[in-house]
PDB file of N, CA and C in Angstrom:
ATOM      1  N   MET A   1     -62.265-147.013 -45.148  1.00  0.00           N
ATOM      2  CA  MET A   1     -61.370-145.931 -45.484  1.00  0.00           C
ATOM      3  C   MET A   1     -60.108-146.490 -46.127  1.00  0.00           C
ATOM      4  N   SER A   2     -59.598-145.748 -47.094  1.00  0.00           N
ATOM      5  CA  SER A   2     -58.435-146.179 -47.864  1.00  0.00           C
ATOM      6  C   SER A   2     -57.287-145.200 -47.687  1.00  0.00           C
ATOM      7  N   ILE A   3     -56.112-145.658 -48.051  1.00  0.00           N
ATOM      8  CA  ILE A   3     -54.926-144.811 -48.067  1.00  0.00           C
ATOM      9  C   ILE A   3     -54.434-144.741 -49.499  1.00  0.00           C
ATOM     10  N   LEU A   4     -54.260-143.534 -50.009  1.00  0.00           N
ATOM     11  CA  LEU A   4     -53.711-143.324 -51.344  1.00  0.00           C
ATOM     12  C   LEU A   4     -52.197-143.220 -51.201  1.00  0.00           C
ATOM     13  N   ILE A   5     -51.476-144.119 -51.858  1.00  0.00           N
ATOM     14  CA  ILE A   5     -50.015-144.138 -51.791  1.00  0.00           C
ATOM     15  C   ILE A   5     -49.473-143.705 -53.146  1.00  0.00           C
ATOM     16  N   VAL A   6     -48.687-142.620 -53.138  1.00  0.00           N
ATOM     17  CA  VAL A   6     -48.097-142.088 -54.371  1.00  0.00           C
ATOM     18  C   VAL A   6     -46.610-142.397 -54.333  1.00  0.00           C
ATOM     19  N   LYS A   7     -46.165-143.239 -55.290  1.00  0.00           N
ATOM     20  CA  LYS A   7     -44.756-143.630 -55.306  1.00  0.00           C
ATOM     21  C   LYS A   7     -44.071-143.378 -56.643  1.00  0.00           C
ATOM     22  N   ASP A   8     -44.783-142.799 -57.615  1.00  0.00           N
ATOM     23  CA  ASP A   8     -44.188-142.498 -58.917  1.00  0.00           C
ATOM     24  C   ASP A   8     -43.820-141.022 -59.019  1.00  0.00           C
ATOM     25  N   TYR A   9     -42.669-140.753 -59.576  1.00  0.00           N
ATOM     26  CA  TYR A   9     -42.211-139.398 -59.828  1.00  0.00           C
ATOM     27  C   TYR A   9     -43.092-138.772 -60.922  1.00  0.00           C
ATOM     28  N   GLY A  10     -43.418-137.495 -60.767  1.00  0.00           N
ATOM     29  CA  GLY A  10     -44.162-136.788 -61.802  1.00  0.00           C
ATOM     30  C   GLY A  10     -45.679-136.863 -61.677  1.00  0.00           C
ATOM     31  N   ILE A  11     -46.172-137.403 -60.584  1.00  0.00           N
ATOM     32  CA  ILE A  11     -47.616-137.495 -60.369  1.00  0.00           C
ATOM     33  C   ILE A  11     -48.152-136.136 -59.924  1.00  0.00           C
ATOM     34  N   SER A  12     -49.334-135.820 -60.424  1.00  0.00           N
ATOM     35  CA  SER A  12     -50.026-134.589 -60.047  1.00  0.00           C
ATOM     36  C   SER A  12     -51.326-134.968 -59.347  1.00  0.00           C
ATOM     37  N   LEU A  13     -51.568-134.358 -58.183  1.00  0.00           N
ATOM     38  CA  LEU A  13     -52.792-134.594 -57.425  1.00  0.00           C
ATOM     39  C   LEU A  13     -53.579-133.291 -57.362  1.00  0.00           C
ATOM     40  N   GLN A  14     -54.826-133.343 -57.805  1.00  0.00           N
ATOM     41  CA  GLN A  14     -55.680-132.159 -57.791  1.00  0.00           C
ATOM     42  C   GLN A  14     -57.037-132.524 -57.219  1.00  0.00           C
ATOM     43  N   TYR A  15     -57.793-131.506 -56.825  1.00  0.00           N
ATOM     44  CA  TYR A  15     -59.127-131.696 -56.281  1.00  0.00           C
ATOM     45  C   TYR A  15     -60.148-131.108 -57.246  1.00  0.00           C
ATOM     46  N   ARG A  16     -61.125-131.934 -57.636  1.00  0.00           N
ATOM     47  CA  ARG A  16     -62.216-131.464 -58.500  1.00  0.00           C
ATOM     48  C   ARG A  16     -63.512-132.144 -58.108  1.00  0.00           C
ATOM     49  N   LYS A  17     -64.485-131.353 -57.731  1.00  0.00           N
ATOM     50  CA  LYS A  17     -65.845-131.835 -57.457  1.00  0.00           C
ATOM     51  C   LYS A  17     -65.880-133.053 -56.538  1.00  0.00           C
ATOM     52  N   GLY A  18     -65.150-132.969 -55.421  1.00  0.00           N
ATOM     53  CA  GLY A  18     -65.159-134.042 -54.440  1.00  0.00           C
ATOM     54  C   GLY A  18     -64.212-135.192 -54.730  1.00  0.00           C
ATOM     55  N   LEU A  19     -63.456-135.087 -55.814  1.00  0.00           N
ATOM     56  CA  LEU A  19     -62.562-136.167 -56.219  1.00  0.00           C
ATOM     57  C   LEU A  19     -61.100-135.745 -56.184  1.00  0.00           C
ATOM     58  N   VAL A  20     -60.237-136.683 -55.844  1.00  0.00           N
ATOM     59  CA  VAL A  20     -58.800-136.491 -56.012  1.00  0.00           C
ATOM     60  C   VAL A  20     -58.491-137.006 -57.406  1.00  0.00           C
ATOM     61  N   VAL A  21     -58.017-136.111 -58.262  1.00  0.00           N
ATOM     62  CA  VAL A  21     -57.691-136.467 -59.643  1.00  0.00           C
ATOM     63  C   VAL A  21     -56.187-136.725 -59.707  1.00  0.00           C
ATOM     64  N   ILE A  22     -55.840-137.952 -60.069  1.00  0.00           N
ATOM     65  CA  ILE A  22     -54.440-138.367 -60.134  1.00  0.00           C
ATOM     66  C   ILE A  22     -54.031-138.422 -61.595  1.00  0.00           C
ATOM     67  N   SER A  23     -53.006-137.642 -61.955  1.00  0.00           N
ATOM     68  CA  SER A  23     -52.582-137.613 -63.354  1.00  0.00           C
ATOM     69  C   SER A  23     -51.059-137.609 -63.451  1.00  0.00           C
ATOM     70  N   LYS A  24     -50.612-137.937 -64.652  1.00  0.00           N
ATOM     71  CA  LYS A  24     -49.173-137.915 -64.955  1.00  0.00           C
ATOM     72  C   LYS A  24     -49.021-137.456 -66.398  1.00  0.00           C
ATOM     73  N   LYS A  25     -48.225-136.421 -66.595  1.00  0.00           N
ATOM     74  CA  LYS A  25     -47.989-135.843 -67.922  1.00  0.00           C
ATOM     75  C   LYS A  25     -49.297-135.506 -68.638  1.00  0.00           C
ATOM     76  N   GLY A  26     -50.252-134.978 -67.887  1.00  0.00           N
ATOM     77  CA  GLY A  26     -51.513-134.546 -68.475  1.00  0.00           C
ATOM     78  C   GLY A  26     -52.539-135.640 -68.687  1.00  0.00           C
ATOM     79  N   THR A  27     -52.186-136.885 -68.426  1.00  0.00           N
ATOM     80  CA  THR A  27     -53.109-138.006 -68.589  1.00  0.00           C
ATOM     81  C   THR A  27     -53.695-138.400 -67.230  1.00  0.00           C
ATOM     82  N   ILE A  28     -55.013-138.407 -67.133  1.00  0.00           N
ATOM     83  CA  ILE A  28     -55.663-138.792 -65.883  1.00  0.00           C
ATOM     84  C   ILE A  28     -55.541-140.305 -65.709  1.00  0.00           C
ATOM     85  N   LEU A  29     -54.967-140.695 -64.581  1.00  0.00           N
ATOM     86  CA  LEU A  29     -54.776-142.103 -64.273  1.00  0.00           C
ATOM     87  C   LEU A  29     -55.943-142.678 -63.488  1.00  0.00           C
ATOM     88  N   ARG A  30     -56.470-141.852 -62.589  1.00  0.00           N
ATOM     89  CA  ARG A  30     -57.540-142.326 -61.716  1.00  0.00           C
ATOM     90  C   ARG A  30     -58.194-141.155 -61.008  1.00  0.00           C
ATOM     91  N   LYS A  31     -59.445-141.362 -60.588  1.00  0.00           N
ATOM     92  CA  LYS A  31     -60.166-140.400 -59.754  1.00  0.00           C
ATOM     93  C   LYS A  31     -60.670-141.149 -58.533  1.00  0.00           C
ATOM     94  N   VAL A  32     -60.419-140.562 -57.344  1.00  0.00           N
ATOM     95  CA  VAL A  32     -60.789-141.198 -56.085  1.00  0.00           C
ATOM     96  C   VAL A  32     -61.579-140.200 -55.251  1.00  0.00           C
ATOM     97  N   PRO A  33     -62.734-140.595 -54.703  1.00  0.00           N
ATOM     98  CA  PRO A  33     -63.470-139.675 -53.827  1.00  0.00           C
ATOM     99  C   PRO A  33     -62.642-139.321 -52.588  1.00  0.00           C
ATOM    100  N   LEU A  34     -62.499-138.038 -52.313  1.00  0.00           N
ATOM    101  CA  LEU A  34     -61.703-137.605 -51.164  1.00  0.00           C
ATOM    102  C   LEU A  34     -62.275-138.168 -49.864  1.00  0.00           C
ATOM    103  N   MET A  35     -63.579-138.223 -49.746  1.00  0.00           N
ATOM    104  CA  MET A  35     -64.208-138.701 -48.510  1.00  0.00           C
ATOM    105  C   MET A  35     -63.962-140.189 -48.256  1.00  0.00           C
ATOM    106  N   SER A  36     -63.499-140.922 -49.255  1.00  0.00           N
ATOM    107  CA  SER A  36     -63.198-142.347 -49.050  1.00  0.00           C
ATOM    108  C   SER A  36     -61.778-142.557 -48.536  1.00  0.00           C
ATOM    109  N   LEU A  37     -61.009-141.460 -48.444  1.00  0.00           N
ATOM    110  CA  LEU A  37     -59.601-141.563 -48.041  1.00  0.00           C
ATOM    111  C   LEU A  37     -59.407-141.219 -46.571  1.00  0.00           C
ATOM    112  N   GLU A  38     -58.544-141.963 -45.948  1.00  0.00           N
ATOM    113  CA  GLU A  38     -58.102-141.680 -44.590  1.00  0.00           C
ATOM    114  C   GLU A  38     -56.815-140.859 -44.629  1.00  0.00           C
ATOM    115  N   ALA A  39     -55.974-141.159 -45.649  1.00  0.00           N
ATOM    116  CA  ALA A  39     -54.676-140.500 -45.748  1.00  0.00           C
ATOM    117  C   ALA A  39     -54.146-140.566 -47.171  1.00  0.00           C
ATOM    118  N   ILE A  40     -53.212-139.657 -47.450  1.00  0.00           N
ATOM    119  CA  ILE A  40     -52.459-139.654 -48.703  1.00  0.00           C
ATOM    120  C   ILE A  40     -50.985-139.712 -48.310  1.00  0.00           C
ATOM    121  N   TYR A  41     -50.294-140.767 -48.749  1.00  0.00           N
ATOM    122  CA  TYR A  41     -48.872-140.936 -48.461  1.00  0.00           C
ATOM    123  C   TYR A  41     -48.080-140.591 -49.715  1.00  0.00           C
ATOM    124  N   ILE A  42     -47.118-139.676 -49.578  1.00  0.00           N
ATOM    125  CA  ILE A  42     -46.233-139.293 -50.671  1.00  0.00           C
ATOM    126  C   ILE A  42     -44.869-139.922 -50.391  1.00  0.00           C
ATOM    127  N   LEU A  43     -44.488-140.913 -51.218  1.00  0.00           N
ATOM    128  CA  LEU A  43     -43.265-141.673 -50.966  1.00  0.00           C
ATOM    129  C   LEU A  43     -42.090-141.254 -51.833  1.00  0.00           C
ATOM    130  N   THR A  44     -42.266-140.261 -52.704  1.00  0.00           N
ATOM    131  CA  THR A  44     -41.206-139.864 -53.610  1.00  0.00           C
ATOM    132  C   THR A  44     -41.237-138.352 -53.817  1.00  0.00           C
ATOM    133  N   GLY A  45     -40.174-137.847 -54.404  1.00  0.00           N
ATOM    134  CA  GLY A  45     -40.144-136.444 -54.778  1.00  0.00           C
ATOM    135  C   GLY A  45     -40.813-136.264 -56.128  1.00  0.00           C
ATOM    136  N   GLY A  46     -40.951-135.030 -56.552  1.00  0.00           N
ATOM    137  CA  GLY A  46     -41.514-134.747 -57.864  1.00  0.00           C
ATOM    138  C   GLY A  46     -43.015-134.950 -57.947  1.00  0.00           C
ATOM    139  N   VAL A  47     -43.707-134.857 -56.821  1.00  0.00           N
ATOM    140  CA  VAL A  47     -45.162-134.980 -56.791  1.00  0.00           C
ATOM    141  C   VAL A  47     -45.743-133.602 -56.550  1.00  0.00           C
ATOM    142  N   MET A  48     -46.739-133.229 -57.367  1.00  0.00           N
ATOM    143  CA  MET A  48     -47.387-131.936 -57.224  1.00  0.00           C
ATOM    144  C   MET A  48     -48.756-132.131 -56.574  1.00  0.00           C
ATOM    145  N   ILE A  49     -49.012-131.368 -55.507  1.00  0.00           N
ATOM    146  CA  ILE A  49     -50.320-131.377 -54.850  1.00  0.00           C
ATOM    147  C   ILE A  49     -50.880-129.975 -54.954  1.00  0.00           C
ATOM    148  N   SER A  50     -52.078-129.853 -55.500  1.00  0.00           N
ATOM    149  CA  SER A  50     -52.668-128.526 -55.645  1.00  0.00           C
ATOM    150  C   SER A  50     -53.030-127.964 -54.269  1.00  0.00           C
ATOM    151  N   SER A  51     -53.013-126.650 -54.162  1.00  0.00           N
ATOM    152  CA  SER A  51     -53.370-126.013 -52.895  1.00  0.00           C
ATOM    153  C   SER A  51     -54.831-126.282 -52.546  1.00  0.00           C
ATOM    154  N   LYS A  52     -55.672-126.419 -53.550  1.00  0.00           N
ATOM    155  CA  LYS A  52     -57.084-126.728 -53.294  1.00  0.00           C
ATOM    156  C   LYS A  52     -57.214-128.106 -52.648  1.00  0.00           C
ATOM    157  N   LEU A  53     -56.466-129.094 -53.129  1.00  0.00           N
ATOM    158  CA  LEU A  53     -56.498-130.419 -52.522  1.00  0.00           C
ATOM    159  C   LEU A  53     -55.951-130.358 -51.103  1.00  0.00           C
ATOM    160  N   ALA A  54     -54.883-129.622 -50.879  1.00  0.00           N
ATOM    161  CA  ALA A  54     -54.307-129.495 -49.536  1.00  0.00           C
ATOM    162  C   ALA A  54     -55.334-128.892 -48.575  1.00  0.00           C
ATOM    163  N   ARG A  55     -56.045-127.849 -49.006  1.00  0.00           N
ATOM    164  CA  ARG A  55     -57.067-127.222 -48.156  1.00  0.00           C
ATOM    165  C   ARG A  55     -58.215-128.172 -47.866  1.00  0.00           C
ATOM    166  N   MET A  56     -58.692-128.884 -48.892  1.00  0.00           N
ATOM    167  CA  MET A  56     -59.818-129.794 -48.709  1.00  0.00           C
ATOM    168  C   MET A  56     -59.426-131.000 -47.847  1.00  0.00           C
ATOM    169  N   ALA A  57     -58.212-131.485 -48.000  1.00  0.00           N
ATOM    170  CA  ALA A  57     -57.742-132.588 -47.163  1.00  0.00           C
ATOM    171  C   ALA A  57     -57.699-132.155 -45.697  1.00  0.00           C
ATOM    172  N   ALA A  58     -57.199-130.954 -45.451  1.00  0.00           N
ATOM    173  CA  ALA A  58     -57.148-130.440 -44.084  1.00  0.00           C
ATOM    174  C   ALA A  58     -58.552-130.264 -43.511  1.00  0.00           C
ATOM    175  N   ARG A  59     -59.471-129.745 -44.314  1.00  0.00           N
ATOM    176  CA  ARG A  59     -60.846-129.523 -43.843  1.00  0.00           C
ATOM    177  C   ARG A  59     -61.579-130.815 -43.529  1.00  0.00           C
ATOM    178  N   THR A  60     -61.295-131.861 -44.277  1.00  0.00           N
ATOM    179  CA  THR A  60     -62.021-133.119 -44.109  1.00  0.00           C
ATOM    180  C   THR A  60     -61.285-134.133 -43.240  1.00  0.00           C
ATOM    181  N   GLY A  61     -60.115-133.763 -42.746  1.00  0.00           N
ATOM    182  CA  GLY A  61     -59.382-134.644 -41.846  1.00  0.00           C
ATOM    183  C   GLY A  61     -58.591-135.741 -42.534  1.00  0.00           C
ATOM    184  N   VAL A  62     -58.288-135.564 -43.818  1.00  0.00           N
ATOM    185  CA  VAL A  62     -57.463-136.540 -44.541  1.00  0.00           C
ATOM    186  C   VAL A  62     -55.997-136.162 -44.338  1.00  0.00           C
ATOM    187  N   ASP A  63     -55.235-137.068 -43.752  1.00  0.00           N
ATOM    188  CA  ASP A  63     -53.811-136.812 -43.519  1.00  0.00           C
ATOM    189  C   ASP A  63     -53.044-136.824 -44.833  1.00  0.00           C
ATOM    190  N   VAL A  64     -52.128-135.884 -44.996  1.00  0.00           N
ATOM    191  CA  VAL A  64     -51.186-135.894 -46.111  1.00  0.00           C
ATOM    192  C   VAL A  64     -49.802-135.985 -45.471  1.00  0.00           C
ATOM    193  N   ILE A  65     -49.116-137.104 -45.734  1.00  0.00           N
ATOM    194  CA  ILE A  65     -47.839-137.359 -45.075  1.00  0.00           C
ATOM    195  C   ILE A  65     -46.759-137.596 -46.131  1.00  0.00           C
ATOM    196  N   PHE A  66     -45.621-136.935 -45.953  1.00  0.00           N
ATOM    197  CA  PHE A  66     -44.480-137.063 -46.854  1.00  0.00           C
ATOM    198  C   PHE A  66     -43.422-137.940 -46.188  1.00  0.00           C
ATOM    199  N   PHE A  67     -42.858-138.877 -46.955  1.00  0.00           N
ATOM    200  CA  PHE A  67     -41.845-139.801 -46.454  1.00  0.00           C
ATOM    201  C   PHE A  67     -40.537-139.602 -47.212  1.00  0.00           C
ATOM    202  N   ASP A  68     -39.408-139.934 -46.560  1.00  0.00           N
ATOM    203  CA  ASP A  68     -38.128-139.890 -47.266  1.00  0.00           C
ATOM    204  C   ASP A  68     -37.903-141.223 -47.983  1.00  0.00           C
ATOM    205  N   HIS A  69     -36.737-141.374 -48.623  1.00  0.00           N
ATOM    206  CA  HIS A  69     -36.452-142.583 -49.417  1.00  0.00           C
ATOM    207  C   HIS A  69     -36.344-143.851 -48.567  1.00  0.00           C
ATOM    208  N   LYS A  70     -36.177-143.692 -47.254  1.00  0.00           N
ATOM    209  CA  LYS A  70     -36.097-144.848 -46.363  1.00  0.00           C
ATOM    210  C   LYS A  70     -37.468-145.218 -45.773  1.00  0.00           C
ATOM    211  N   GLY A  71     -38.479-144.395 -46.054  1.00  0.00           N
ATOM    212  CA  GLY A  71     -39.807-144.658 -45.511  1.00  0.00           C
ATOM    213  C   GLY A  71     -40.072-143.980 -44.179  1.00  0.00           C
ATOM    214  N   THR A  72     -39.174-143.089 -43.788  1.00  0.00           N
ATOM    215  CA  THR A  72     -39.353-142.347 -42.543  1.00  0.00           C
ATOM    216  C   THR A  72     -40.218-141.121 -42.809  1.00  0.00           C
ATOM    217  N   PRO A  73     -41.255-140.899 -42.004  1.00  0.00           N
ATOM    218  CA  PRO A  73     -42.078-139.699 -42.206  1.00  0.00           C
ATOM    219  C   PRO A  73     -41.257-138.421 -42.028  1.00  0.00           C
ATOM    220  N   LEU A  74     -41.426-137.484 -42.964  1.00  0.00           N
ATOM    221  CA  LEU A  74     -40.711-136.207 -42.908  1.00  0.00           C
ATOM    222  C   LEU A  74     -41.613-135.069 -42.477  1.00  0.00           C
ATOM    223  N   ALA A  75     -42.832-135.050 -43.012  1.00  0.00           N
ATOM    224  CA  ALA A  75     -43.740-133.938 -42.735  1.00  0.00           C
ATOM    225  C   ALA A  75     -45.181-134.424 -42.865  1.00  0.00           C
ATOM    226  N   ARG A  76     -46.061-133.680 -42.203  1.00  0.00           N
ATOM    227  CA  ARG A  76     -47.479-134.018 -42.233  1.00  0.00           C
ATOM    228  C   ARG A  76     -48.286-132.736 -42.327  1.00  0.00           C
ATOM    229  N   LEU A  77     -49.246-132.742 -43.221  1.00  0.00           N
ATOM    230  CA  LEU A  77     -50.161-131.616 -43.336  1.00  0.00           C
ATOM    231  C   LEU A  77     -51.213-131.782 -42.251  1.00  0.00           C
ATOM    232  N   ASP A  78     -51.285-130.827 -41.342  1.00  0.00           N
ATOM    233  CA  ASP A  78     -52.189-130.941 -40.200  1.00  0.00           C
ATOM    234  C   ASP A  78     -52.913-129.611 -40.004  1.00  0.00           C
ATOM    235  N   PRO A  79     -54.253-129.643 -39.934  1.00  0.00           N
ATOM    236  CA  PRO A  79     -54.972-128.384 -39.739  1.00  0.00           C
ATOM    237  C   PRO A  79     -54.698-127.821 -38.344  1.00  0.00           C
ATOM    238  N   PRO A  80     -54.832-126.514 -38.174  1.00  0.00           N
ATOM    239  CA  PRO A  80     -54.566-125.904 -36.869  1.00  0.00           C
ATOM    240  C   PRO A  80     -55.644-126.235 -35.837  1.00  0.00           C
ATOM    241  N   TYR A  81     -56.713-126.867 -36.244  1.00  0.00           N
ATOM    242  CA  TYR A  81     -57.798-127.263 -35.347  1.00  0.00           C
ATOM    243  C   TYR A  81     -58.367-128.579 -35.855  1.00  0.00           C
ATOM    244  N   HIS A  82     -59.041-129.286 -35.001  1.00  0.00           N
ATOM    245  CA  HIS A  82     -59.668-130.542 -35.407  1.00  0.00           C
ATOM    246  C   HIS A  82     -61.111-130.276 -35.798  1.00  0.00           C
ATOM    247  N   THR A  83     -61.455-130.715 -36.980  1.00  0.00           N
ATOM    248  CA  THR A  83     -62.792-130.469 -37.497  1.00  0.00           C
ATOM    249  C   THR A  83     -63.781-131.481 -36.941  1.00  0.00           C
ATOM    250  N   ARG A  84     -65.043-131.202 -37.137  1.00  0.00           N
ATOM    251  CA  ARG A  84     -66.084-132.136 -36.715  1.00  0.00           C
ATOM    252  C   ARG A  84     -65.917-133.474 -37.425  1.00  0.00           C
ATOM    253  N   THR A  85     -65.423-133.437 -38.645  1.00  0.00           N
ATOM    254  CA  THR A  85     -65.235-134.681 -39.386  1.00  0.00           C
ATOM    255  C   THR A  85     -64.276-135.600 -38.633  1.00  0.00           C
ATOM    256  N   VAL A  86     -63.205-135.044 -38.106  1.00  0.00           N
ATOM    257  CA  VAL A  86     -62.237-135.837 -37.361  1.00  0.00           C
ATOM    258  C   VAL A  86     -62.884-136.391 -36.098  1.00  0.00           C
ATOM    259  N   LEU A  87     -63.624-135.561 -35.395  1.00  0.00           N
ATOM    260  CA  LEU A  87     -64.289-136.034 -34.183  1.00  0.00           C
ATOM    261  C   LEU A  87     -65.306-137.117 -34.510  1.00  0.00           C
ATOM    262  N   THR A  88     -66.045-136.938 -35.584  1.00  0.00           N
ATOM    263  CA  THR A  88     -67.015-137.947 -36.007  1.00  0.00           C
ATOM    264  C   THR A  88     -66.309-139.242 -36.344  1.00  0.00           C
ATOM    265  N   ARG A  89     -65.205-139.158 -37.066  1.00  0.00           N
ATOM    266  CA  ARG A  89     -64.442-140.340 -37.435  1.00  0.00           C
ATOM    267  C   ARG A  89     -63.937-141.090 -36.203  1.00  0.00           C
ATOM    268  N   ARG A  90     -63.437-140.336 -35.230  1.00  0.00           N
ATOM    269  CA  ARG A  90     -62.957-140.972 -34.001  1.00  0.00           C
ATOM    270  C   ARG A  90     -64.093-141.703 -33.285  1.00  0.00           C
ATOM    271  N   MET A  91     -65.254-141.065 -33.226  1.00  0.00           N
ATOM    272  CA  MET A  91     -66.403-141.697 -32.579  1.00  0.00           C
ATOM    273  C   MET A  91     -66.825-142.950 -33.344  1.00  0.00           C
ATOM    274  N   GLN A  92     -66.741-142.914 -34.673  1.00  0.00           N
ATOM    275  CA  GLN A  92     -67.073-144.091 -35.469  1.00  0.00           C
ATOM    276  C   GLN A  92     -66.093-145.229 -35.203  1.00  0.00           C
ATOM    277  N   TYR A  93     -64.793-144.917 -35.115  1.00  0.00           N
ATOM    278  CA  TYR A  93     -63.798-145.941 -34.808  1.00  0.00           C
ATOM    279  C   TYR A  93     -64.059-146.545 -33.429  1.00  0.00           C
ATOM    280  N   GLU A  94     -64.369-145.687 -32.449  1.00  0.00           N
ATOM    281  CA  GLU A  94     -64.652-146.180 -31.105  1.00  0.00           C
ATOM    282  C   GLU A  94     -65.876-147.084 -31.103  1.00  0.00           C
ATOM    283  N   ALA A  95     -66.921-146.667 -31.814  1.00  0.00           N
ATOM    284  CA  ALA A  95     -68.135-147.487 -31.890  1.00  0.00           C
ATOM    285  C   ALA A  95     -67.836-148.817 -32.574  1.00  0.00           C
ATOM    286  N   TYR A  96     -67.020-148.785 -33.610  1.00  0.00           N
ATOM    287  CA  TYR A  96     -66.641-150.010 -34.312  1.00  0.00           C
ATOM    288  C   TYR A  96     -65.870-150.949 -33.380  1.00  0.00           C
ATOM    289  N   ASN A  97     -64.908-150.387 -32.663  1.00  0.00           N
ATOM    290  CA  ASN A  97     -64.103-151.199 -31.749  1.00  0.00           C
ATOM    291  C   ASN A  97     -64.952-151.791 -30.631  1.00  0.00           C
ATOM    292  N   LEU A  98     -65.944-151.053 -30.166  1.00  0.00           N
ATOM    293  CA  LEU A  98     -66.832-151.569 -29.130  1.00  0.00           C
ATOM    294  C   LEU A  98     -67.701-152.708 -29.658  1.00  0.00           C
ATOM    295  N   SER A  99     -67.983-152.683 -30.966  1.00  0.00           N
ATOM    296  CA  SER A  99     -68.838-153.714 -31.523  1.00  0.00           C
ATOM    297  C   SER A  99     -68.093-155.012 -31.842  1.00  0.00           C
ATOM    298  N   LEU A 100     -66.761-154.967 -31.794  1.00  0.00           N
ATOM    299  CA  LEU A 100     -65.984-156.172 -32.047  1.00  0.00           C
ATOM    300  C   LEU A 100     -66.058-157.115 -30.854  1.00  0.00           C
ATOM    301  N   ILE A 101     -66.092-158.385 -31.135  1.00  0.00           N
ATOM    302  CA  ILE A 101     -66.110-159.391 -30.078  1.00  0.00           C
ATOM    303  C   ILE A 101     -64.707-159.974 -29.981  1.00  0.00           C
ATOM    304  N   HIS A 102     -64.108-159.793 -28.834  1.00  0.00           N
ATOM    305  CA  HIS A 102     -62.756-160.316 -28.607  1.00  0.00           C
ATOM    306  C   HIS A 102     -62.845-161.610 -27.810  1.00  0.00           C
ATOM    307  N   ILE A 103     -62.264-162.674 -28.348  1.00  0.00           N
ATOM    308  CA  ILE A 103     -62.291-163.968 -27.660  1.00  0.00           C
ATOM    309  C   ILE A 103     -60.880-164.397 -27.346  1.00  0.00           C
TER     310      ILE A 103
END
């Protein structure tokens, strides 16, 4: 799982066909599968997130967190309930941790 970090002013984040489309001034910079993301960190102002991406992130358990200029978290997009995806992810993390050998 990856974390998408947005630190440039004027970035636009949209959701299309399972992908987070990252663009600036109408030019697509990158496309990232939403399911490969654990979180989206917004480190600056002037970032646009489409409502469709916000809904899909909430449904799939991808955290969207906004930070101030000092790096302190200000707000977090959190669904009103935990989806099966979140529960599945937690179980996967637990299974992974159990499989680690600690010496």
